[in-house]
Structure formats: C-alpha cells, structure tokens
Amino acid sequence: MKHQHYIDQTTGAQFSWDFLHLIDSGRLEEDDLHWSYIKTVKEYFPDSRTLLDMGTGGGEFLSSLTPLPETVFATVSCESNLEIAKKRLSPLGVNLVCIPESPEPPYNDNLPFESSFFNLIINRHEAYCPGEIKRILRGGGYFITQQMGALSLCNLILDLPGEQAAFPHRNLMSAVTELEEAGFKIHKKREQLVSVRFYDVDAVVCCLKNTPWLISGFSPDKYKRELGFIGSVIDSRGFYQSINHYFLIIAQNF
C-alpha cells in the first residue's frame, strides 16, 4: 500500500493522504491517537547519528523534527513530491533519494544504501520490506513505523461498494510477526481504531480520488447512486462516520 503526506496528531490532524485542507476547513475530522509519533521518534534522536525517513512525501513531517541527526536521508516515491521536498529539506542538509515504489510486494526491497548504515529508520505509512530494513540498519539500531491497518474506512469501502485495500491482512499482529521473523526484537507495539467523520460528500470524493488503492476504478459518476446514499446520511445525521485503523511498532535490530 502506498502512503504519502501524513499529518502528525500533535498538530491536531493526523489524517492521511494530504487532507489537511479538509481538516482545516472543518469538512473532515478524526479523533486523536493515544500516542504521538513525533514525540516517539524524537526520543531516539540523541543516540542516532544517521537517520532515514522512508516516504517523506513533501518533507513536512521531517522538517518539523529539527534539530536533526548529523546525517539524514529521506526517500520519496513520487516524482511530483521530489521538488517540493527538496525546497523544504535541502536547506536542512537532508539527502533526498527518489525510489519509485513497486506495484507488487516485496516493496522497497532494494534500497540504495550500504549495509548497516543507519542508526535509526523511521517510516510513517510507507511500504517496507523487513529484510531490507534489517540489512541497512546497524546492529542495535531502531526501526519505528506507524502504519494504516486493513480496517481503515472499511464501511465506506463496503457502502460504495468497493474492493478491499492491497493488504487485507494488515494489522499489528501480522506486522510484528514479519519483523520478528526477520530477526527484530519488538520494544513497543500499539494499535487503535479512531473515528473519522466526513461533513460533505465532496470530502468523501476527495479522499477516494487520492487513495486509488481503496476502490479500484473509482469515479463520482460511476458511484453516483452510492454517493447519493452517503449524502443522505450526512443530511440526516450531519456527518458520515467511518474508522481509521493505526498501529505503531518500535523494533530493534539484533
């Protein structure tokens, strides 16, 4: 599953896929997580000289973490984000690498970095290959990832109706199992479902247009009747409610 532009919950809006404009305008609302990804990551900075941020998007999150460790790399999977990220991150000394994501697993399994190079790898909603993370992470180094689980927007997907996301099994247990099988020790694991509320149909359309892996071939015309149903729910209740599914893992390489 491809993920870009996530906003940290400490800013008051952690919803994914670059929908900050919808949140700021009050058309979309999401409950807070019980943890702070930004605080979790910064706790590991003092002991880290080399950092990799996987899937940095436009660099909004990474730039908020200053001061950064001595050597920082960030990957971008979309060419359109590369120039945006360069403007924001190059002045901070961040080295940017564009790595187009494979449409099929294993994802990001051939990263252009030396073995045992990084002290810390962070990954917020970007696909990863546990074995490749282990290869480029130093012994004793940490991998911190926050991911979306398979239950995200599940009722919206069913109401339209649509196909399940690319990782129908994706949850905390499956991710922990994969990392442990790759040789990681799990230091922390958290999982949470949070409520998401859409206050107009256009917000739903914006969400689905920007998450094409959720419903294959989505278009407003194709799903006009189903969107009409969602609009009737909003008219009668004031909003259309769904859930998002998050999990957080801190793993150490041994």
Protein backbone atom coordinates (compact mmCIF):
# COMPACT_ATOMS: atom_id res chain seq x y z
CA MET A 1 0.00 0.00 0.00
CA LYS A 2 1.37 3.39 -0.92
CA HIS A 3 1.09 6.23 1.56
CA GLN A 4 2.03 9.89 1.32
CA HIS A 5 1.75 13.16 3.27
CA TYR A 6 0.59 12.13 6.72
CA ILE A 7 -0.02 14.85 9.27
CA ASP A 8 1.04 14.12 12.84
CA GLN A 9 -1.62 14.02 15.51
CA THR A 10 0.27 16.52 17.66
CA THR A 11 -0.73 19.19 15.14
CA GLY A 12 -4.36 18.32 15.80
CA ALA A 13 -4.83 16.49 12.50
CA GLN A 14 -3.25 13.13 11.83
CA PHE A 15 -5.48 12.06 8.94
CA SER A 16 -3.64 10.68 5.97
CA TRP A 17 -3.17 11.34 2.27
CA ASP A 18 -2.58 15.10 2.43
CA PHE A 19 -6.10 16.08 3.51
CA LEU A 20 -5.01 18.87 5.82
CA HIS A 21 -7.07 21.35 3.80
CA LEU A 22 -10.22 19.32 4.51
CA ILE A 23 -9.45 19.16 8.21
CA ASP A 24 -8.63 22.86 8.48
CA SER A 25 -11.88 23.75 6.73
CA GLY A 26 -13.92 21.57 9.08
CA ARG A 27 -15.10 19.19 6.35
CA LEU A 28 -13.22 16.24 7.81
CA GLU A 29 -12.49 15.32 11.41
CA GLU A 30 -10.58 12.48 13.04
CA ASP A 31 -10.15 11.57 16.70
CA ASP A 32 -6.70 11.67 18.30
CA LEU A 33 -4.39 8.72 18.70
CA HIS A 34 -3.27 7.61 22.16
CA TRP A 35 0.36 8.07 21.16
CA SER A 36 2.38 10.80 19.48
CA TYR A 37 4.50 9.62 16.59
CA ILE A 38 6.58 12.80 16.60
CA LYS A 39 7.40 12.52 20.32
CA THR A 40 8.19 8.84 19.94
CA VAL A 41 10.63 9.48 17.09
CA LYS A 42 12.40 12.40 18.78
CA GLU A 43 13.12 10.27 21.86
CA TYR A 44 15.55 8.26 19.72
CA PHE A 45 17.39 11.21 18.17
CA PRO A 46 20.05 11.73 20.88
CA ASP A 47 21.60 8.31 20.20
CA SER A 48 21.30 8.47 16.40
CA ARG A 49 23.92 9.92 14.06
CA THR A 50 22.40 8.52 10.86
CA LEU A 51 18.68 8.71 10.11
CA LEU A 52 16.50 7.51 7.22
CA ASP A 53 12.95 8.79 6.75
CA MET A 54 11.12 6.46 4.39
CA GLY A 55 8.37 8.03 2.31
CA THR A 56 8.93 11.62 3.38
CA GLY A 57 6.31 12.99 0.95
CA GLY A 58 6.83 16.75 0.72
CA GLY A 59 9.08 16.72 3.79
CA GLU A 60 6.55 18.44 6.05
CA PHE A 61 6.93 16.00 8.91
CA LEU A 62 10.70 15.55 8.73
CA SER A 63 11.28 19.31 8.69
CA SER A 64 9.27 19.60 11.91
CA LEU A 65 11.77 17.37 13.75
CA THR A 66 14.68 19.83 13.78
CA PRO A 67 17.35 19.73 15.01
CA LEU A 68 18.01 16.58 13.01
CA PRO A 69 20.78 13.99 13.49
CA GLU A 70 24.15 14.53 11.82
CA THR A 71 23.42 12.58 8.60
CA VAL A 72 19.88 12.32 7.27
CA PHE A 73 18.49 10.64 4.15
CA ALA A 74 14.88 10.64 3.02
CA THR A 75 13.14 8.68 0.29
CA VAL A 76 10.40 9.94 -2.00
CA SER A 77 8.34 7.54 -4.11
CA CYS A 78 6.58 10.16 -6.26
CA GLU A 79 8.44 12.42 -8.71
CA SER A 80 5.94 15.23 -8.11
CA ASN A 81 6.96 15.32 -4.44
CA LEU A 82 10.69 15.43 -5.12
CA GLU A 83 10.99 19.14 -5.91
CA ILE A 84 8.64 20.05 -3.06
CA ALA A 85 10.73 18.01 -0.64
CA LYS A 86 13.99 19.48 -1.97
CA LYS A 87 12.85 23.04 -1.30
CA ARG A 88 11.89 22.16 2.24
CA LEU A 89 14.63 19.70 3.22
CA SER A 90 17.77 20.61 1.26
CA PRO A 91 18.41 23.70 3.43
CA LEU A 92 18.36 21.34 6.43
CA GLY A 93 21.09 19.16 4.89
CA VAL A 94 18.79 16.24 4.12
CA ASN A 95 19.86 13.95 1.26
CA LEU A 96 16.87 13.04 -0.91
CA VAL A 97 16.53 9.85 -2.94
CA CYS A 98 13.65 9.14 -5.33
CA ILE A 99 12.69 5.45 -5.30
CA PRO A 100 9.59 4.58 -7.32
CA GLU A 101 7.57 2.06 -5.37
CA SER A 102 6.94 -1.34 -6.91
CA PRO A 103 3.24 -2.05 -7.57
CA GLU A 104 3.66 -5.55 -6.14
CA PRO A 105 5.33 -6.93 -2.99
CA PRO A 106 8.00 -7.13 -1.81
CA TYR A 107 8.03 -3.34 -1.63
CA ASN A 108 11.21 -1.27 -1.20
CA ASP A 109 13.33 -4.43 -1.11
CA ASN A 110 16.38 -2.97 -2.87
CA LEU A 111 17.21 0.35 -1.24
CA PRO A 112 20.37 2.17 -2.49
CA PHE A 113 22.11 2.30 0.88
CA GLU A 114 25.10 0.49 2.35
CA SER A 115 24.52 -2.34 4.78
CA SER A 116 24.46 -1.36 8.47
CA PHE A 117 24.47 2.36 7.60
CA PHE A 118 21.63 3.80 9.71
CA ASN A 119 21.19 4.08 13.46
CA LEU A 120 17.52 4.93 13.09
CA ILE A 121 14.94 4.35 10.37
CA ILE A 122 11.52 5.97 10.61
CA ASN A 123 8.58 5.12 8.43
CA ARG A 124 5.13 6.64 8.62
CA HIS A 125 2.68 4.88 6.32
CA GLU A 126 5.23 3.84 3.69
CA ALA A 127 5.53 0.24 2.47
CA TYR A 128 8.69 -1.58 3.60
CA CYS A 129 10.48 -4.90 3.38
CA PRO A 130 11.57 -6.17 6.85
CA GLY A 131 14.64 -7.96 5.49
CA GLU A 132 15.85 -4.84 3.67
CA ILE A 133 15.29 -2.70 6.77
CA LYS A 134 17.42 -5.13 8.74
CA ARG A 135 20.17 -5.03 6.11
CA ILE A 136 20.66 -1.25 6.15
CA LEU A 137 20.13 -0.83 9.91
CA ARG A 138 23.10 -1.13 12.25
CA GLY A 139 23.13 -3.74 14.96
CA GLY A 140 21.27 -2.30 17.93
CA GLY A 141 19.59 0.30 15.71
CA TYR A 142 15.88 1.03 15.77
CA PHE A 143 13.08 0.92 13.23
CA ILE A 144 10.00 2.98 14.11
CA THR A 145 6.92 2.68 11.95
CA GLN A 146 3.33 3.87 12.11
CA GLN A 147 1.04 2.15 9.62
CA MET A 148 -2.57 2.05 8.48
CA GLY A 149 -4.37 -1.24 9.06
CA ALA A 150 -6.84 -3.11 6.86
CA LEU A 151 -9.92 -1.84 8.72
CA SER A 152 -9.37 1.78 7.64
CA LEU A 153 -12.54 3.22 6.05
CA CYS A 154 -13.96 -0.31 5.90
CA ASN A 155 -17.64 0.71 5.97
CA LEU A 156 -17.03 3.37 3.30
CA ILE A 157 -15.46 0.72 1.08
CA LEU A 158 -18.44 -1.58 1.63
CA ASP A 159 -21.05 1.14 1.16
CA LEU A 160 -19.80 2.14 -2.24
CA PRO A 161 -19.19 -0.97 -2.66
CA GLY A 162 -15.55 -1.48 -3.45
CA GLU A 163 -12.64 -3.83 -3.23
CA GLN A 164 -10.53 -4.26 -0.14
CA ALA A 165 -7.21 -2.47 0.12
CA ALA A 166 -3.96 -4.02 -1.09
CA PHE A 167 -3.14 -5.58 2.33
CA PRO A 168 -6.40 -7.12 3.58
CA HIS A 169 -4.49 -8.92 6.38
CA ARG A 170 -2.57 -5.85 7.52
CA ASN A 171 -2.69 -5.34 11.27
CA LEU A 172 -0.39 -5.12 14.26
CA MET A 173 -0.03 -8.87 14.69
CA SER A 174 0.91 -9.53 11.06
CA ALA A 175 3.45 -6.68 11.02
CA VAL A 176 5.03 -7.76 14.32
CA THR A 177 5.27 -11.36 13.09
CA GLU A 178 7.04 -10.27 9.89
CA LEU A 179 9.58 -8.18 11.81
CA GLU A 180 10.26 -10.90 14.38
CA GLU A 181 10.77 -13.46 11.61
CA ALA A 182 13.30 -11.06 10.04
CA GLY A 183 15.28 -11.00 13.31
CA PHE A 184 13.97 -7.90 15.09
CA LYS A 185 13.18 -7.53 18.77
CA ILE A 186 9.93 -5.65 19.39
CA HIS A 187 10.22 -2.94 22.04
CA LYS A 188 6.79 -1.33 21.68
CA LYS A 189 3.56 -2.12 19.86
CA ARG A 190 0.30 -0.17 19.88
CA GLU A 191 -2.89 -0.42 17.86
CA GLN A 192 -6.00 1.77 17.75
CA LEU A 193 -9.20 2.38 15.82
CA VAL A 194 -10.25 6.04 15.62
CA SER A 195 -13.46 7.65 14.39
CA VAL A 196 -13.43 9.64 11.15
CA ARG A 197 -16.26 11.99 10.21
CA PHE A 198 -16.98 13.40 6.75
CA TYR A 199 -19.18 16.50 6.70
CA ASP A 200 -19.87 16.67 2.96
CA VAL A 201 -19.83 14.29 0.00
CA ASP A 202 -17.06 16.20 -1.77
CA ALA A 203 -14.74 15.36 1.14
CA VAL A 204 -15.50 11.67 0.59
CA VAL A 205 -14.82 12.04 -3.15
CA CYS A 206 -11.53 13.83 -2.45
CA CYS A 207 -10.50 11.01 -0.12
CA LEU A 208 -11.26 8.28 -2.63
CA LYS A 209 -9.66 10.08 -5.58
CA ASN A 210 -6.44 10.36 -3.59
CA THR A 211 -6.49 6.75 -2.37
CA PRO A 212 -7.00 4.77 -5.60
CA TRP A 213 -5.92 1.51 -3.96
CA LEU A 214 -9.06 1.53 -1.78
CA ILE A 215 -11.63 1.30 -4.58
CA SER A 216 -10.41 0.25 -7.99
CA GLY A 217 -11.66 2.48 -10.80
CA PHE A 218 -13.43 4.95 -8.53
CA SER A 219 -15.11 7.96 -10.14
CA PRO A 220 -18.01 10.12 -8.90
CA ASP A 221 -20.06 9.27 -11.98
CA LYS A 222 -19.55 5.52 -11.56
CA TYR A 223 -20.66 5.66 -7.92
CA LYS A 224 -23.27 8.40 -8.21
CA ARG A 225 -26.03 6.36 -6.56
CA GLU A 226 -23.83 5.23 -3.66
CA LEU A 227 -22.52 8.75 -3.08
CA GLY A 228 -26.13 9.91 -3.07
CA PHE A 229 -26.78 7.46 -0.20
CA ILE A 230 -23.79 8.84 1.72
CA GLY A 231 -25.08 12.36 1.08
CA SER A 232 -28.46 11.39 2.54
CA VAL A 233 -26.72 10.11 5.67
CA ILE A 234 -24.88 13.43 6.01
CA ASP A 235 -28.13 15.35 5.50
CA SER A 236 -29.95 13.40 8.20
CA ARG A 237 -27.15 12.96 10.74
CA GLY A 238 -24.82 15.84 9.98
CA PHE A 239 -21.87 13.63 9.02
CA TYR A 240 -20.87 10.26 7.61
CA GLN A 241 -18.80 8.29 10.10
CA SER A 242 -16.11 5.71 9.45
CA ILE A 243 -12.98 4.48 11.21
CA ASN A 244 -9.27 4.53 10.63
CA HIS A 245 -7.01 1.74 11.82
CA TYR A 246 -3.49 2.61 13.03
CA PHE A 247 -0.64 0.70 14.59
CA LEU A 248 2.80 1.68 15.89
CA ILE A 249 5.87 -0.54 16.22
CA ILE A 250 9.33 0.12 17.62
CA ALA A 251 11.71 -2.68 16.66
CA GLN A 252 15.44 -3.15 17.34
CA ASN A 253 17.88 -4.89 15.03
CA PHE A 254 19.90 -7.74 16.52
